[in-house]
C-alpha atoms as a PDB file:
ATOM      1  CA  MET A   1      89.491  63.732  70.955  1.00  0.00           C
ATOM      2  CA  ALA A   2      91.098  64.372  67.566  1.00  0.00           C
ATOM      3  CA  SER A   3      89.538  67.838  67.359  1.00  0.00           C
ATOM      4  CA  ARG A   4      90.949  68.712  70.801  1.00  0.00           C
ATOM      5  CA  LYS A   5      94.435  67.676  69.691  1.00  0.00           C
ATOM      6  CA  LEU A   6      94.031  69.623  66.470  1.00  0.00           C
ATOM      7  CA  ARG A   7      92.881  72.687  68.408  1.00  0.00           C
ATOM      8  CA  LEU A   8      95.859  72.361  70.768  1.00  0.00           C
ATOM      9  CA  LEU A   9      98.280  72.056  67.864  1.00  0.00           C
ATOM     10  CA  THR A  10      96.677  74.965  66.025  1.00  0.00           C
ATOM     11  CA  LEU A  11      96.678  77.266  69.047  1.00  0.00           C
ATOM     12  CA  SER A  12     100.283  76.305  69.865  1.00  0.00           C
ATOM     13  CA  GLY A  13     101.357  77.147  66.323  1.00  0.00           C
ATOM     14  CA  MET A  14      99.505  80.438  66.394  1.00  0.00           C
ATOM     15  CA  LEU A  15     101.037  81.348  69.739  1.00  0.00           C
ATOM     16  CA  ALA A  16     104.513  80.433  68.446  1.00  0.00           C
ATOM     17  CA  ALA A  17     103.955  82.792  65.517  1.00  0.00           C
ATOM     18  CA  VAL A  18     102.745  85.543  67.861  1.00  0.00           C
ATOM     19  CA  GLY A  19     105.748  84.966  70.132  1.00  0.00           C
ATOM     20  CA  PHE A  20     108.093  85.127  67.162  1.00  0.00           C
ATOM     21  CA  VAL A  21     106.607  88.418  65.959  1.00  0.00           C
ATOM     22  CA  LEU A  22     106.773  89.869  69.477  1.00  0.00           C
ATOM     23  CA  GLN A  23     110.394  88.760  69.674  1.00  0.00           C
ATOM     24  CA  LEU A  24     111.217  90.887  66.621  1.00  0.00           C
ATOM     25  CA  PHE A  25     110.531  93.999  68.711  1.00  0.00           C
ATOM     26  CA  GLU A  26     113.439  93.483  71.092  1.00  0.00           C
ATOM     27  CA  PHE A  27     115.268  96.260  72.862  1.00  0.00           C
ATOM     28  CA  PRO A  28     118.089  96.570  75.402  1.00  0.00           C
ATOM     29  CA  LEU A  29     116.788  96.695  78.947  1.00  0.00           C
ATOM     30  CA  LEU A  30     119.964  97.695  80.764  1.00  0.00           C
ATOM     31  CA  PRO A  31     122.302 100.375  79.404  1.00  0.00           C
ATOM     32  CA  THR A  32     125.290  98.540  80.907  1.00  0.00           C
ATOM     33  CA  ALA A  33     124.550  95.443  78.798  1.00  0.00           C
ATOM     34  CA  PRO A  34     123.075  96.401  75.409  1.00  0.00           C
ATOM     35  CA  PHE A  35     123.650  92.849  74.145  1.00  0.00           C
ATOM     36  CA  LEU A  36     120.989  91.555  76.576  1.00  0.00           C
ATOM     37  CA  LYS A  37     117.714  92.291  74.832  1.00  0.00           C
ATOM     38  CA  PHE A  38     114.180  92.153  76.173  1.00  0.00           C
ATOM     39  CA  ASP A  39     111.070  91.188  74.227  1.00  0.00           C
ATOM     40  CA  PHE A  40     107.535  90.100  75.031  1.00  0.00           C
ATOM     41  CA  GLY A  41     107.793  86.825  73.083  1.00  0.00           C
ATOM     42  CA  ASP A  42     107.873  84.839  76.328  1.00  0.00           C
ATOM     43  CA  VAL A  43     104.275  85.845  77.031  1.00  0.00           C
ATOM     44  CA  ALA A  44     103.005  83.683  74.164  1.00  0.00           C
ATOM     45  CA  VAL A  45     104.802  80.642  75.586  1.00  0.00           C
ATOM     46  CA  VAL A  46     103.404  81.267  79.071  1.00  0.00           C
ATOM     47  CA  VAL A  47      99.906  81.628  77.613  1.00  0.00           C
ATOM     48  CA  ALA A  48     100.333  78.315  75.776  1.00  0.00           C
ATOM     49  CA  GLY A  49     101.530  76.593  78.935  1.00  0.00           C
ATOM     50  CA  ALA A  50      98.926  78.118  81.221  1.00  0.00           C
ATOM     51  CA  SER A  51      96.041  77.397  78.878  1.00  0.00           C
ATOM     52  CA  MET A  52      97.004  74.049  77.346  1.00  0.00           C
ATOM     53  CA  GLY A  53      99.682  72.548  79.572  1.00  0.00           C
ATOM     54  CA  PRO A  54     103.443  72.005  79.672  1.00  0.00           C
ATOM     55  CA  GLY A  55     103.570  70.175  76.329  1.00  0.00           C
ATOM     56  CA  ALA A  56     102.066  73.149  74.546  1.00  0.00           C
ATOM     57  CA  ALA A  57     104.529  75.490  76.269  1.00  0.00           C
ATOM     58  CA  LEU A  58     107.442  73.339  75.149  1.00  0.00           C
ATOM     59  CA  LEU A  59     106.103  73.041  71.589  1.00  0.00           C
ATOM     60  CA  THR A  60     105.503  76.788  71.358  1.00  0.00           C
ATOM     61  CA  ALA A  61     108.932  77.682  72.767  1.00  0.00           C
ATOM     62  CA  VAL A  62     110.826  75.284  70.503  1.00  0.00           C
ATOM     63  CA  THR A  63     108.899  76.398  67.409  1.00  0.00           C
ATOM     64  CA  LYS A  64     109.540  80.053  68.260  1.00  0.00           C
ATOM     65  CA  GLY A  65     113.226  79.274  68.842  1.00  0.00           C
ATOM     66  CA  ILE A  66     113.568  77.474  65.508  1.00  0.00           C
ATOM     67  CA  LEU A  67     111.950  80.398  63.702  1.00  0.00           C
ATOM     68  CA  TRP A  68     114.323  82.789  65.489  1.00  0.00           C
ATOM     69  CA  GLY A  69     117.338  80.675  64.561  1.00  0.00           C
ATOM     70  CA  LEU A  70     116.235  80.383  60.928  1.00  0.00           C
ATOM     71  CA  ILE A  71     116.198  84.114  60.375  1.00  0.00           C
ATOM     72  CA  GLY A  72     119.645  84.360  62.005  1.00  0.00           C
ATOM     73  CA  HIS A  73     118.634  87.502  63.836  1.00  0.00           C
ATOM     74  CA  GLY A  74     121.521  89.143  65.641  1.00  0.00           C
ATOM     75  CA  ALA A  75     125.180  88.269  65.687  1.00  0.00           C
ATOM     76  CA  ASP A  76     124.688  85.092  67.663  1.00  0.00           C
ATOM     77  CA  GLY A  77     122.050  83.340  65.464  1.00  0.00           C
ATOM     78  CA  TRP A  78     121.412  79.788  66.645  1.00  0.00           C
ATOM     79  CA  VAL A  79     123.291  80.292  69.920  1.00  0.00           C
ATOM     80  CA  GLY A  80     121.032  83.178  70.877  1.00  0.00           C
ATOM     81  CA  ALA A  81     117.970  81.219  69.771  1.00  0.00           C
ATOM     82  CA  LEU A  82     119.033  78.247  71.901  1.00  0.00           C
ATOM     83  CA  MET A  83     119.732  80.392  74.940  1.00  0.00           C
ATOM     84  CA  ASN A  84     116.425  82.219  74.561  1.00  0.00           C
ATOM     85  CA  THR A  85     114.552  78.920  74.191  1.00  0.00           C
ATOM     86  CA  VAL A  86     116.164  77.550  77.362  1.00  0.00           C
ATOM     87  CA  ALA A  87     115.257  80.759  79.183  1.00  0.00           C
ATOM     88  CA  VAL A  88     111.617  80.784  78.139  1.00  0.00           C
ATOM     89  CA  VAL A  89     111.130  77.044  78.778  1.00  0.00           C
ATOM     90  CA  THR A  90     112.550  77.263  82.296  1.00  0.00           C
ATOM     91  CA  PHE A  91     110.372  80.297  82.926  1.00  0.00           C
ATOM     92  CA  ALA A  92     107.123  78.921  81.469  1.00  0.00           C
ATOM     93  CA  LEU A  93     107.124  75.294  82.642  1.00  0.00           C
ATOM     94  CA  PRO A  94     106.579  75.970  86.367  1.00  0.00           C
ATOM     95  CA  VAL A  95     103.670  78.244  85.456  1.00  0.00           C
ATOM     96  CA  ALA A  96     102.260  75.625  83.087  1.00  0.00           C
ATOM     97  CA  PHE A  97     102.331  72.941  85.780  1.00  0.00           C
ATOM     98  CA  ALA A  98     100.878  75.261  88.432  1.00  0.00           C
ATOM     99  CA  CYS A  99      97.982  76.468  86.312  1.00  0.00           C
ATOM    100  CA  ARG A 100      96.279  73.157  86.957  1.00  0.00           C
ATOM    101  CA  SER A 101      95.677  74.540  90.433  1.00  0.00           C
ATOM    102  CA  ALA A 102      92.903  77.069  90.945  1.00  0.00           C
ATOM    103  CA  MET A 103      94.702  78.665  93.901  1.00  0.00           C
ATOM    104  CA  LEU A 104      96.143  82.086  93.129  1.00  0.00           C
ATOM    105  CA  ARG A 105      98.908  81.575  95.706  1.00  0.00           C
ATOM    106  CA  THR A 106     100.104  78.469  93.866  1.00  0.00           C
ATOM    107  CA  ARG A 107     100.192  80.318  90.565  1.00  0.00           C
ATOM    108  CA  VAL A 108     102.108  83.264  92.034  1.00  0.00           C
ATOM    109  CA  LEU A 109     104.632  80.910  93.641  1.00  0.00           C
ATOM    110  CA  ALA A 110     105.008  79.116  90.309  1.00  0.00           C
ATOM    111  CA  ALA A 111     105.710  82.431  88.553  1.00  0.00           C
ATOM    112  CA  LEU A 112     108.347  83.256  91.167  1.00  0.00           C
ATOM    113  CA  LEU A 113     109.822  79.770  90.743  1.00  0.00           C
ATOM    114  CA  GLY A 114     109.847  80.309  86.967  1.00  0.00           C
ATOM    115  CA  ILE A 115     111.694  83.604  87.355  1.00  0.00           C
ATOM    116  CA  ALA A 116     114.244  82.002  89.695  1.00  0.00           C
ATOM    117  CA  ALA A 117     114.670  78.947  87.442  1.00  0.00           C
ATOM    118  CA  MET A 118     115.161  81.096  84.346  1.00  0.00           C
ATOM    119  CA  THR A 119     117.694  83.291  86.124  1.00  0.00           C
ATOM    120  CA  ALA A 120     119.676  80.294  87.382  1.00  0.00           C
ATOM    121  CA  ALA A 121     119.525  78.575  83.986  1.00  0.00           C
ATOM    122  CA  MET A 122     120.777  81.654  82.180  1.00  0.00           C
ATOM    123  CA  ILE A 123     123.656  82.133  84.595  1.00  0.00           C
ATOM    124  CA  GLY A 124     124.612  78.495  83.982  1.00  0.00           C
ATOM    125  CA  MET A 125     124.193  78.830  80.209  1.00  0.00           C
ATOM    126  CA  ASN A 126     126.380  81.945  80.132  1.00  0.00           C
ATOM    127  CA  LEU A 127     129.075  80.172  82.148  1.00  0.00           C
ATOM    128  CA  ILE A 128     129.065  77.317  79.617  1.00  0.00           C
ATOM    129  CA  VAL A 129     128.325  79.015  76.270  1.00  0.00           C
ATOM    130  CA  ASP A 130     130.264  82.265  76.567  1.00  0.00           C
ATOM    131  CA  PRO A 131     133.729  80.685  76.915  1.00  0.00           C
ATOM    132  CA  LEU A 132     133.036  78.154  74.154  1.00  0.00           C
ATOM    133  CA  TYR A 133     131.228  80.237  71.565  1.00  0.00           C
ATOM    134  CA  PHE A 134     132.181  83.835  72.278  1.00  0.00           C
ATOM    135  CA  LYS A 135     135.702  82.927  73.471  1.00  0.00           C
ATOM    136  CA  LEU A 136     135.355  85.122  76.549  1.00  0.00           C
ATOM    137  CA  PRO A 137     137.682  84.542  79.504  1.00  0.00           C
ATOM    138  CA  MET A 138     136.023  83.262  82.660  1.00  0.00           C
ATOM    139  CA  THR A 139     136.992  86.420  84.568  1.00  0.00           C
ATOM    140  CA  ALA A 140     135.013  88.548  82.082  1.00  0.00           C
ATOM    141  CA  ILE A 141     132.019  86.223  82.362  1.00  0.00           C
ATOM    142  CA  LYS A 142     132.078  86.268  86.150  1.00  0.00           C
ATOM    143  CA  ALA A 143     132.228  90.069  86.063  1.00  0.00           C
ATOM    144  CA  MET A 144     129.031  90.061  83.914  1.00  0.00           C
ATOM    145  CA  LEU A 145     127.080  87.705  86.218  1.00  0.00           C
ATOM    146  CA  PRO A 146     125.482  90.471  88.349  1.00  0.00           C
ATOM    147  CA  VAL A 147     124.185  92.160  85.181  1.00  0.00           C
ATOM    148  CA  ILE A 148     122.907  88.835  83.807  1.00  0.00           C
ATOM    149  CA  LEU A 149     121.211  88.149  87.141  1.00  0.00           C
ATOM    150  CA  LEU A 150     119.545  91.574  87.230  1.00  0.00           C
ATOM    151  CA  PHE A 151     118.480  91.382  83.580  1.00  0.00           C
ATOM    152  CA  ASN A 152     116.797  87.998  83.998  1.00  0.00           C
ATOM    153  CA  LEU A 153     115.031  89.020  87.204  1.00  0.00           C
ATOM    154  CA  ILE A 154     113.633  92.120  85.491  1.00  0.00           C
ATOM    155  CA  ARG A 155     112.796  90.183  82.324  1.00  0.00           C
ATOM    156  CA  GLY A 156     110.959  87.495  84.262  1.00  0.00           C
ATOM    157  CA  THR A 157     109.023  89.971  86.365  1.00  0.00           C
ATOM    158  CA  ILE A 158     107.859  92.011  83.380  1.00  0.00           C
ATOM    159  CA  ASN A 159     106.927  88.913  81.382  1.00  0.00           C
ATOM    160  CA  ALA A 160     105.081  87.395  84.357  1.00  0.00           C
ATOM    161  CA  ALA A 161     103.028  90.558  84.832  1.00  0.00           C
ATOM    162  CA  ALA A 162     102.310  90.820  81.096  1.00  0.00           C
ATOM    163  CA  SER A 163     101.337  87.136  80.986  1.00  0.00           C
ATOM    164  CA  VAL A 164      98.821  87.581  83.798  1.00  0.00           C
ATOM    165  CA  GLY A 165      97.230  90.502  81.962  1.00  0.00           C
ATOM    166  CA  VAL A 166      97.034  88.603  78.687  1.00  0.00           C
ATOM    167  CA  LEU A 167      95.628  85.491  80.383  1.00  0.00           C
ATOM    168  CA  LEU A 168      92.923  87.564  82.060  1.00  0.00           C
ATOM    169  CA  LEU A 169      91.951  89.021  78.683  1.00  0.00           C
ATOM    170  CA  LEU A 170      92.055  85.650  76.907  1.00  0.00           C
ATOM    171  CA  LYS A 171      89.790  84.114  79.534  1.00  0.00           C
ATOM    172  CA  ARG A 172      86.972  86.061  77.873  1.00  0.00           C
ATOM    173  CA  THR A 173      87.599  84.732  74.346  1.00  0.00           C
ATOM    174  CA  PRO A 174      85.804  81.660  72.974  1.00  0.00           C
ATOM    175  CA  ALA A 175      89.032  80.059  71.678  1.00  0.00           C
ATOM    176  CA  PHE A 176      90.755  80.014  75.080  1.00  0.00           C
ATOM    177  CA  ARG A 177      87.772  79.857  77.442  1.00  0.00           C
ATOM    178  CA  PRO A 178      87.682  76.023  77.566  1.00  0.00           C
ATOM    179  CA  TYR A 179      91.352  75.962  78.509  1.00  0.00           C
ATOM    180  CA  LEU A 180      91.273  78.783  81.065  1.00  0.00           C
ATOM    181  CA  SER A 181      88.042  77.954  82.881  1.00  0.00           C
ATOM    182  CA  THR A 182      89.744  77.100  86.189  1.00  0.00           C
END
């Protein structure tokens, strides 16, 4: 029992580190909103959740977010780290819960739910954080909502597809095989 917990903690930490490194290679996805950056760091959190459960996804996402906030990357520092952590948690948790099911349809629906949840959460976060932290007027924020919506739908779709590919590859490795045997 203790070795299983140690393995879970170790793999979660390793995946948080991988997610953090992947997050360093961010790039703008939409030319109309260069401040919205895409990275593949979410894949590590989805892998943690799909292989070891929702707790591992949460632990991996929070650890990755703390690392991101500590380096103060970007102009928004901790605010960006918090918003990214909320986004990845709302995206990964439905997948983590659904991976207990062996049915492909359930997993696909969970990924779609994760994309929708992340998109809704980020619209809500932008409506709350942008006026308080960035001092933007509500009219400017509402004008950006279609771009935020599109960005998060694209981000979620790409990360879901990448996560499926990585999970299929990891299913063959000895470290993840016990977790991904379903």
